[in-house]
Every structure is written in C-alpha cells, then in structure tokens.
PDB file of N, CA and C in Angstrom:
ATOM      1  N   UNK A   1      86.819 131.654 123.189  1.00  0.00           N
ATOM      2  CA  UNK A   1      86.224 131.564 121.875  1.00  0.00           C
ATOM      3  C   UNK A   1      86.005 130.088 121.526  1.00  0.00           C
ATOM      4  N   UNK A   2      84.832 129.765 121.054  1.00  0.00           N
ATOM      5  CA  UNK A   2      84.501 128.400 120.673  1.00  0.00           C
ATOM      6  C   UNK A   2      84.760 128.205 119.191  1.00  0.00           C
ATOM      7  N   UNK A   3      85.501 127.152 118.863  1.00  0.00           N
ATOM      8  CA  UNK A   3      85.770 126.840 117.462  1.00  0.00           C
ATOM      9  C   UNK A   3      84.600 126.069 116.868  1.00  0.00           C
ATOM     10  N   UNK A   4      84.350 126.287 115.600  1.00  0.00           N
ATOM     11  CA  UNK A   4      83.366 125.490 114.881  1.00  0.00           C
ATOM     12  C   UNK A   4      83.931 124.083 114.699  1.00  0.00           C
ATOM     13  N   UNK A   5      83.102 123.173 114.245  1.00  0.00           N
ATOM     14  CA  UNK A   5      83.585 121.820 113.965  1.00  0.00           C
ATOM     15  C   UNK A   5      84.734 121.872 112.966  1.00  0.00           C
ATOM     16  N   UNK A   6      84.558 122.643 111.913  1.00  0.00           N
ATOM     17  CA  UNK A   6      85.612 122.763 110.903  1.00  0.00           C
ATOM     18  C   UNK A   6      86.902 123.324 111.475  1.00  0.00           C
ATOM     19  N   UNK A   7      86.774 124.330 112.342  1.00  0.00           N
ATOM     20  CA  UNK A   7      87.943 124.917 112.988  1.00  0.00           C
ATOM     21  C   UNK A   7      88.663 123.915 113.870  1.00  0.00           C
ATOM     22  N   UNK A   8      87.884 123.095 114.586  1.00  0.00           N
ATOM     23  CA  UNK A   8      88.480 122.063 115.428  1.00  0.00           C
ATOM     24  C   UNK A   8      89.213 121.020 114.583  1.00  0.00           C
ATOM     25  N   UNK A   9      88.617 120.651 113.447  1.00  0.00           N
ATOM     26  CA  UNK A   9      89.237 119.653 112.574  1.00  0.00           C
ATOM     27  C   UNK A   9      90.539 120.199 111.980  1.00  0.00           C
ATOM     28  N   UNK A  10      90.507 121.455 111.567  1.00  0.00           N
ATOM     29  CA  UNK A  10      91.714 122.071 110.998  1.00  0.00           C
ATOM     30  C   UNK A  10      92.823 122.139 112.051  1.00  0.00           C
ATOM     31  N   UNK A  11      92.471 122.546 113.260  1.00  0.00           N
ATOM     32  CA  UNK A  11      93.453 122.629 114.346  1.00  0.00           C
ATOM     33  C   UNK A  11      94.054 121.254 114.624  1.00  0.00           C
ATOM     34  N   UNK A  12      93.228 120.222 114.642  1.00  0.00           N
ATOM     35  CA  UNK A  12      93.719 118.860 114.874  1.00  0.00           C
ATOM     36  C   UNK A  12      94.711 118.460 113.782  1.00  0.00           C
ATOM     37  N   UNK A  13      94.373 118.756 112.537  1.00  0.00           N
ATOM     38  CA  UNK A  13      95.268 118.403 111.426  1.00  0.00           C
ATOM     39  C   UNK A  13      96.591 119.143 111.543  1.00  0.00           C
ATOM     40  N   UNK A  14      96.532 120.425 111.819  1.00  0.00           N
ATOM     41  CA  UNK A  14      97.754 121.234 111.933  1.00  0.00           C
ATOM     42  C   UNK A  14      98.607 120.751 113.101  1.00  0.00           C
ATOM     43  N   UNK A  15      97.971 120.460 114.240  1.00  0.00           N
ATOM     44  CA  UNK A  15      98.716 119.972 115.397  1.00  0.00           C
ATOM     45  C   UNK A  15      99.323 118.596 115.132  1.00  0.00           C
ATOM     46  N   UNK A  16      98.705 117.847 114.214  1.00  0.00           N
ATOM     47  CA  UNK A  16      99.252 116.531 113.836  1.00  0.00           C
ATOM     48  C   UNK A  16     100.423 116.677 112.871  1.00  0.00           C
ATOM     49  N   UNK A  17     100.592 117.884 112.335  1.00  0.00           N
ATOM     50  CA  UNK A  17     101.716 118.155 111.433  1.00  0.00           C
ATOM     51  C   UNK A  17     101.563 117.574 110.045  1.00  0.00           C
ATOM     52  N   UNK A  18     100.319 117.404 109.594  1.00  0.00           N
ATOM     53  CA  UNK A  18     100.139 116.862 108.250  1.00  0.00           C
ATOM     54  C   UNK A  18      99.367 117.836 107.365  1.00  0.00           C
ATOM     55  N   UNK A  19      99.668 117.783 106.094  1.00  0.00           N
ATOM     56  CA  UNK A  19      99.009 118.642 105.115  1.00  0.00           C
ATOM     57  C   UNK A  19      97.646 118.054 104.742  1.00  0.00           C
ATOM     58  N   UNK A  20      96.838 118.859 104.089  1.00  0.00           N
ATOM     59  CA  UNK A  20      95.560 118.348 103.597  1.00  0.00           C
ATOM     60  C   UNK A  20      95.790 117.209 102.602  1.00  0.00           C
ATOM     61  N   UNK A  21      96.822 117.323 101.787  1.00  0.00           N
ATOM     62  CA  UNK A  21      97.120 116.286 100.800  1.00  0.00           C
ATOM     63  C   UNK A  21      97.476 114.962 101.487  1.00  0.00           C
ATOM     64  N   UNK A  22      98.313 115.020 102.520  1.00  0.00           N
ATOM     65  CA  UNK A  22      98.704 113.814 103.250  1.00  0.00           C
ATOM     66  C   UNK A  22      97.496 113.228 103.980  1.00  0.00           C
ATOM     67  N   UNK A  23      96.680 114.085 104.553  1.00  0.00           N
ATOM     68  CA  UNK A  23      95.471 113.629 105.231  1.00  0.00           C
ATOM     69  C   UNK A  23      94.540 112.927 104.239  1.00  0.00           C
ATOM     70  N   UNK A  24      94.434 113.475 103.048  1.00  0.00           N
ATOM     71  CA  UNK A  24      93.604 112.860 102.014  1.00  0.00           C
ATOM     72  C   UNK A  24      94.104 111.456 101.688  1.00  0.00           C
ATOM     73  N   UNK A  25      95.403 111.310 101.539  1.00  0.00           N
ATOM     74  CA  UNK A  25      95.990 109.986 101.258  1.00  0.00           C
ATOM     75  C   UNK A  25      95.697 108.998 102.382  1.00  0.00           C
ATOM     76  N   UNK A  26      95.904 109.451 103.618  1.00  0.00           N
ATOM     77  CA  UNK A  26      95.762 108.563 104.773  1.00  0.00           C
ATOM     78  C   UNK A  26      94.302 108.216 105.084  1.00  0.00           C
ATOM     79  N   UNK A  27      93.384 109.141 104.806  1.00  0.00           N
ATOM     80  CA  UNK A  27      91.985 108.952 105.190  1.00  0.00           C
ATOM     81  C   UNK A  27      91.101 108.404 104.079  1.00  0.00           C
ATOM     82  N   UNK A  28      91.542 108.590 102.837  1.00  0.00           N
ATOM     83  CA  UNK A  28      90.697 108.207 101.710  1.00  0.00           C
ATOM     84  C   UNK A  28      89.659 109.268 101.364  1.00  0.00           C
ATOM     85  N   UNK A  29      89.711 110.404 102.052  1.00  0.00           N
ATOM     86  CA  UNK A  29      88.834 111.535 101.741  1.00  0.00           C
ATOM     87  C   UNK A  29      89.545 112.425 100.729  1.00  0.00           C
ATOM     88  N   UNK A  30      88.796 113.128  99.903  1.00  0.00           N
ATOM     89  CA  UNK A  30      89.449 114.011  98.929  1.00  0.00           C
ATOM     90  C   UNK A  30      89.977 115.261  99.622  1.00  0.00           C
ATOM     91  N   UNK A  31      91.032 115.845  99.072  1.00  0.00           N
ATOM     92  CA  UNK A  31      91.593 117.072  99.633  1.00  0.00           C
ATOM     93  C   UNK A  31      90.554 118.183  99.585  1.00  0.00           C
ATOM     94  N   UNK A  32      89.762 118.225  98.523  1.00  0.00           N
ATOM     95  CA  UNK A  32      88.715 119.239  98.390  1.00  0.00           C
ATOM     96  C   UNK A  32      87.686 119.106  99.511  1.00  0.00           C
ATOM     97  N   UNK A  33      87.280 117.874  99.807  1.00  0.00           N
ATOM     98  CA  UNK A  33      86.309 117.646 100.874  1.00  0.00           C
ATOM     99  C   UNK A  33      86.894 118.045 102.224  1.00  0.00           C
ATOM    100  N   UNK A  34      88.148 117.725 102.455  1.00  0.00           N
ATOM    101  CA  UNK A  34      88.820 118.109 103.706  1.00  0.00           C
ATOM    102  C   UNK A  34      88.810 119.629 103.849  1.00  0.00           C
ATOM    103  N   UNK A  35      89.114 120.333 102.776  1.00  0.00           N
ATOM    104  CA  UNK A  35      89.087 121.794 102.794  1.00  0.00           C
ATOM    105  C   UNK A  35      87.685 122.306 103.096  1.00  0.00           C
ATOM    106  N   UNK A  36      86.684 121.691 102.501  1.00  0.00           N
ATOM    107  CA  UNK A  36      85.299 122.105 102.743  1.00  0.00           C
ATOM    108  C   UNK A  36      84.912 121.884 104.204  1.00  0.00           C
ATOM    109  N   UNK A  37      85.337 120.765 104.771  1.00  0.00           N
ATOM    110  CA  UNK A  37      85.063 120.500 106.190  1.00  0.00           C
ATOM    111  C   UNK A  37      85.720 121.574 107.051  1.00  0.00           C
ATOM    112  N   UNK A  38      87.003 121.810 106.815  1.00  0.00           N
ATOM    113  CA  UNK A  38      87.759 122.761 107.644  1.00  0.00           C
ATOM    114  C   UNK A  38      87.235 124.185 107.532  1.00  0.00           C
ATOM    115  N   UNK A  39      86.605 124.511 106.417  1.00  0.00           N
ATOM    116  CA  UNK A  39      86.082 125.855 106.209  1.00  0.00           C
ATOM    117  C   UNK A  39      84.573 125.936 106.444  1.00  0.00           C
ATOM    118  N   UNK A  40      84.016 124.883 107.047  1.00  0.00           N
ATOM    119  CA  UNK A  40      82.590 124.833 107.386  1.00  0.00           C
ATOM    120  C   UNK A  40      81.677 124.974 106.174  1.00  0.00           C
ATOM    121  N   UNK A  41      82.134 124.432 105.039  1.00  0.00           N
ATOM    122  CA  UNK A  41      81.310 124.427 103.828  1.00  0.00           C
ATOM    123  C   UNK A  41      80.737 123.051 103.546  1.00  0.00           C
ATOM    124  N   UNK A  42      81.025 122.081 104.418  1.00  0.00           N
ATOM    125  CA  UNK A  42      80.495 120.731 104.277  1.00  0.00           C
ATOM    126  C   UNK A  42      80.206 120.181 105.661  1.00  0.00           C
ATOM    127  N   UNK A  43      79.201 119.342 105.728  1.00  0.00           N
ATOM    128  CA  UNK A  43      78.841 118.671 106.977  1.00  0.00           C
ATOM    129  C   UNK A  43      79.203 117.203 106.845  1.00  0.00           C
ATOM    130  N   UNK A  44      80.331 116.810 107.416  1.00  0.00           N
ATOM    131  CA  UNK A  44      80.791 115.428 107.253  1.00  0.00           C
ATOM    132  C   UNK A  44      79.940 114.438 108.039  1.00  0.00           C
ATOM    133  N   UNK A  45      79.871 113.231 107.526  1.00  0.00           N
ATOM    134  CA  UNK A  45      79.196 112.148 108.246  1.00  0.00           C
ATOM    135  C   UNK A  45      80.076 111.714 109.418  1.00  0.00           C
ATOM    136  N   UNK A  46      79.498 110.927 110.313  1.00  0.00           N
ATOM    137  CA  UNK A  46      80.271 110.385 111.436  1.00  0.00           C
ATOM    138  C   UNK A  46      81.428 109.539 110.896  1.00  0.00           C
ATOM    139  N   UNK A  47      81.174 108.770 109.839  1.00  0.00           N
ATOM    140  CA  UNK A  47      82.221 107.949 109.237  1.00  0.00           C
ATOM    141  C   UNK A  47      83.376 108.788 108.711  1.00  0.00           C
ATOM    142  N   UNK A  48      83.063 109.898 108.055  1.00  0.00           N
ATOM    143  CA  UNK A  48      84.115 110.797 107.549  1.00  0.00           C
ATOM    144  C   UNK A  48      84.901 111.415 108.700  1.00  0.00           C
ATOM    145  N   UNK A  49      84.197 111.779 109.767  1.00  0.00           N
ATOM    146  CA  UNK A  49      84.885 112.334 110.938  1.00  0.00           C
ATOM    147  C   UNK A  49      85.832 111.308 111.543  1.00  0.00           C
ATOM    148  N   UNK A  50      85.402 110.049 111.596  1.00  0.00           N
ATOM    149  CA  UNK A  50      86.267 108.995 112.130  1.00  0.00           C
ATOM    150  C   UNK A  50      87.504 108.823 111.261  1.00  0.00           C
ATOM    151  N   UNK A  51      87.328 108.804 109.959  1.00  0.00           N
ATOM    152  CA  UNK A  51      88.480 108.649 109.056  1.00  0.00           C
ATOM    153  C   UNK A  51      89.448 109.823 109.200  1.00  0.00           C
ATOM    154  N   UNK A  52      88.895 111.027 109.317  1.00  0.00           N
ATOM    155  CA  UNK A  52      89.696 112.244 109.477  1.00  0.00           C
ATOM    156  C   UNK A  52      90.518 112.154 110.761  1.00  0.00           C
ATOM    157  N   UNK A  53      89.847 111.871 111.879  1.00  0.00           N
ATOM    158  CA  UNK A  53      90.554 111.848 113.163  1.00  0.00           C
ATOM    159  C   UNK A  53      91.566 110.710 113.237  1.00  0.00           C
ATOM    160  N   UNK A  54      91.221 109.545 112.727  1.00  0.00           N
ATOM    161  CA  UNK A  54      92.171 108.421 112.743  1.00  0.00           C
ATOM    162  C   UNK A  54      93.405 108.738 111.905  1.00  0.00           C
ATOM    163  N   UNK A  55      93.220 109.385 110.761  1.00  0.00           N
ATOM    164  CA  UNK A  55      94.352 109.755 109.912  1.00  0.00           C
ATOM    165  C   UNK A  55      95.262 110.768 110.604  1.00  0.00           C
ATOM    166  N   UNK A  56      94.695 111.535 111.530  1.00  0.00           N
ATOM    167  CA  UNK A  56      95.486 112.502 112.306  1.00  0.00           C
ATOM    168  C   UNK A  56      96.115 111.851 113.532  1.00  0.00           C
ATOM    169  N   UNK A  57      95.821 110.578 113.749  1.00  0.00           N
ATOM    170  CA  UNK A  57      96.363 109.885 114.907  1.00  0.00           C
ATOM    171  C   UNK A  57      95.622 110.222 116.186  1.00  0.00           C
ATOM    172  N   UNK A  58      94.368 110.637 116.054  1.00  0.00           N
ATOM    173  CA  UNK A  58      93.567 111.022 117.213  1.00  0.00           C
ATOM    174  C   UNK A  58      92.387 110.065 117.366  1.00  0.00           C
ATOM    175  N   UNK A  59      91.679 110.226 118.442  1.00  0.00           N
ATOM    176  CA  UNK A  59      90.448 109.471 118.648  1.00  0.00           C
ATOM    177  C   UNK A  59      89.289 110.458 118.661  1.00  0.00           C
ATOM    178  N   UNK A  60      88.112 109.936 118.437  1.00  0.00           N
ATOM    179  CA  UNK A  60      86.950 110.804 118.342  1.00  0.00           C
ATOM    180  C   UNK A  60      86.012 110.556 119.512  1.00  0.00           C
ATOM    181  N   UNK A  61      85.568 111.647 120.099  1.00  0.00           N
ATOM    182  CA  UNK A  61      84.568 111.591 121.158  1.00  0.00           C
ATOM    183  C   UNK A  61      83.488 112.589 120.786  1.00  0.00           C
ATOM    184  N   UNK A  62      82.252 112.159 120.812  1.00  0.00           N
ATOM    185  CA  UNK A  62      81.159 113.033 120.403  1.00  0.00           C
ATOM    186  C   UNK A  62      80.272 113.336 121.598  1.00  0.00           C
ATOM    187  N   UNK A  63      79.995 114.599 121.773  1.00  0.00           N
ATOM    188  CA  UNK A  63      79.071 115.044 122.803  1.00  0.00           C
ATOM    189  C   UNK A  63      78.036 115.927 122.120  1.00  0.00           C
ATOM    190  N   UNK A  64      76.790 115.589 122.303  1.00  0.00           N
ATOM    191  CA  UNK A  64      75.725 116.352 121.658  1.00  0.00           C
ATOM    192  C   UNK A  64      74.882 117.011 122.736  1.00  0.00           C
ATOM    193  N   UNK A  65      74.641 118.291 122.570  1.00  0.00           N
ATOM    194  CA  UNK A  65      73.757 118.985 123.498  1.00  0.00           C
ATOM    195  C   UNK A  65      72.823 119.883 122.697  1.00  0.00           C
ATOM    196  N   UNK A  66      71.656 120.090 123.216  1.00  0.00           N
ATOM    197  CA  UNK A  66      70.665 120.917 122.559  1.00  0.00           C
ATOM    198  C   UNK A  66      70.275 122.041 123.504  1.00  0.00           C
ATOM    199  N   UNK A  67      70.205 123.226 122.952  1.00  0.00           N
ATOM    200  CA  UNK A  67      69.751 124.363 123.718  1.00  0.00           C
ATOM    201  C   UNK A  67      68.670 125.057 122.913  1.00  0.00           C
ATOM    202  N   UNK A  68      67.493 125.090 123.490  1.00  0.00           N
ATOM    203  CA  UNK A  68      66.380 125.702 122.793  1.00  0.00           C
ATOM    204  C   UNK A  68      65.305 126.064 123.793  1.00  0.00           C
ATOM    205  N   UNK A  69      64.635 127.151 123.544  1.00  0.00           N
ATOM    206  CA  UNK A  69      63.519 127.499 124.411  1.00  0.00           C
ATOM    207  C   UNK A  69      62.397 126.490 124.240  1.00  0.00           C
ATOM    208  N   UNK A  70      62.307 125.880 123.065  1.00  0.00           N
ATOM    209  CA  UNK A  70      61.284 124.858 122.831  1.00  0.00           C
ATOM    210  C   UNK A  70      61.512 123.660 123.745  1.00  0.00           C
ATOM    211  N   UNK A  71      62.761 123.352 124.046  1.00  0.00           N
ATOM    212  CA  UNK A  71      63.074 122.237 124.931  1.00  0.00           C
ATOM    213  C   UNK A  71      62.498 122.481 126.318  1.00  0.00           C
ATOM    214  N   UNK A  72      62.686 123.675 126.855  1.00  0.00           N
ATOM    215  CA  UNK A  72      62.167 123.947 128.192  1.00  0.00           C
ATOM    216  C   UNK A  72      60.643 123.957 128.181  1.00  0.00           C
ATOM    217  N   UNK A  73      60.023 124.433 127.111  1.00  0.00           N
ATOM    218  CA  UNK A  73      58.570 124.389 127.002  1.00  0.00           C
ATOM    219  C   UNK A  73      58.090 122.946 126.963  1.00  0.00           C
ATOM    220  N   UNK A  74      58.779 122.118 126.225  1.00  0.00           N
ATOM    221  CA  UNK A  74      58.412 120.701 126.132  1.00  0.00           C
ATOM    222  C   UNK A  74      58.526 120.040 127.498  1.00  0.00           C
ATOM    223  N   UNK A  75      59.634 120.306 128.183  1.00  0.00           N
ATOM    224  CA  UNK A  75      59.842 119.698 129.498  1.00  0.00           C
ATOM    225  C   UNK A  75      58.732 120.078 130.466  1.00  0.00           C
ATOM    226  N   UNK A  76      58.352 121.345 130.501  1.00  0.00           N
ATOM    227  CA  UNK A  76      57.326 121.770 131.453  1.00  0.00           C
ATOM    228  C   UNK A  76      55.947 121.263 131.045  1.00  0.00           C
ATOM    229  N   UNK A  77      55.689 121.156 129.750  1.00  0.00           N
ATOM    230  CA  UNK A  77      54.404 120.639 129.271  1.00  0.00           C
ATOM    231  C   UNK A  77      54.262 119.152 129.504  1.00  0.00           C
ATOM    232  N   UNK A  78      55.386 118.427 129.572  1.00  0.00           N
ATOM    233  CA  UNK A  78      55.352 116.979 129.685  1.00  0.00           C
ATOM    234  C   UNK A  78      55.882 116.467 131.026  1.00  0.00           C
ATOM    235  N   UNK A  79      55.952 117.344 131.989  1.00  0.00           N
ATOM    236  CA  UNK A  79      56.425 116.939 133.316  1.00  0.00           C
ATOM    237  C   UNK A  79      55.397 116.016 133.953  1.00  0.00           C
ATOM    238  N   UNK A  80      55.907 115.018 134.672  1.00  0.00           N
ATOM    239  CA  UNK A  80      55.007 114.076 135.361  1.00  0.00           C
ATOM    240  C   UNK A  80      54.495 114.734 136.639  1.00  0.00           C
ATOM    241  N   UNK A  81      53.250 114.489 136.921  1.00  0.00           N
ATOM    242  CA  UNK A  81      52.648 115.050 138.129  1.00  0.00           C
ATOM    243  C   UNK A  81      53.013 114.242 139.344  1.00  0.00           C
TER     244      UNK A  81
END
C-alpha cells in the first residue's frame, strides 16, 4: 500500500515520537496546518516540507515522476529520426 504525502508525514512525526504541538513549536508551522498536511487537506510548499522534516530530525529527499498517456504520445510525436 502506498501512503499519500500526508500519510508519510504523519508516520514520520509519529516515528519521531513528537506530538503535533511539539512539531509546531520546533518547525514554526501551526498545529492546524500540520494536521491539514497529515490529513491531505493542504499542499505544503517545499519550504514547509523542509521545516517539517527537520523538526522531526529527518532529512528530505524528493523524487518526482510523471505517469500519463499524454507523456508517451508526446515522446513518440517528438522522437528524433
């Protein structure tokens, strides 16, 4: 099962053993915003993600991938001869 971004953030916080309130103090993010992130009701900026992960004592690594049928159509339409 793949966790959403919010699910991953919540798991990281729980594994770090800190409450949302403590995370808010350490990160400078509001507890409400942290809850919204963890419940997938907010899309945090890269800066907010960095503050969240650093407050949990973790590091952040970002991997972006795109999957779309439009991508394969684009690739075949723009292939070099």
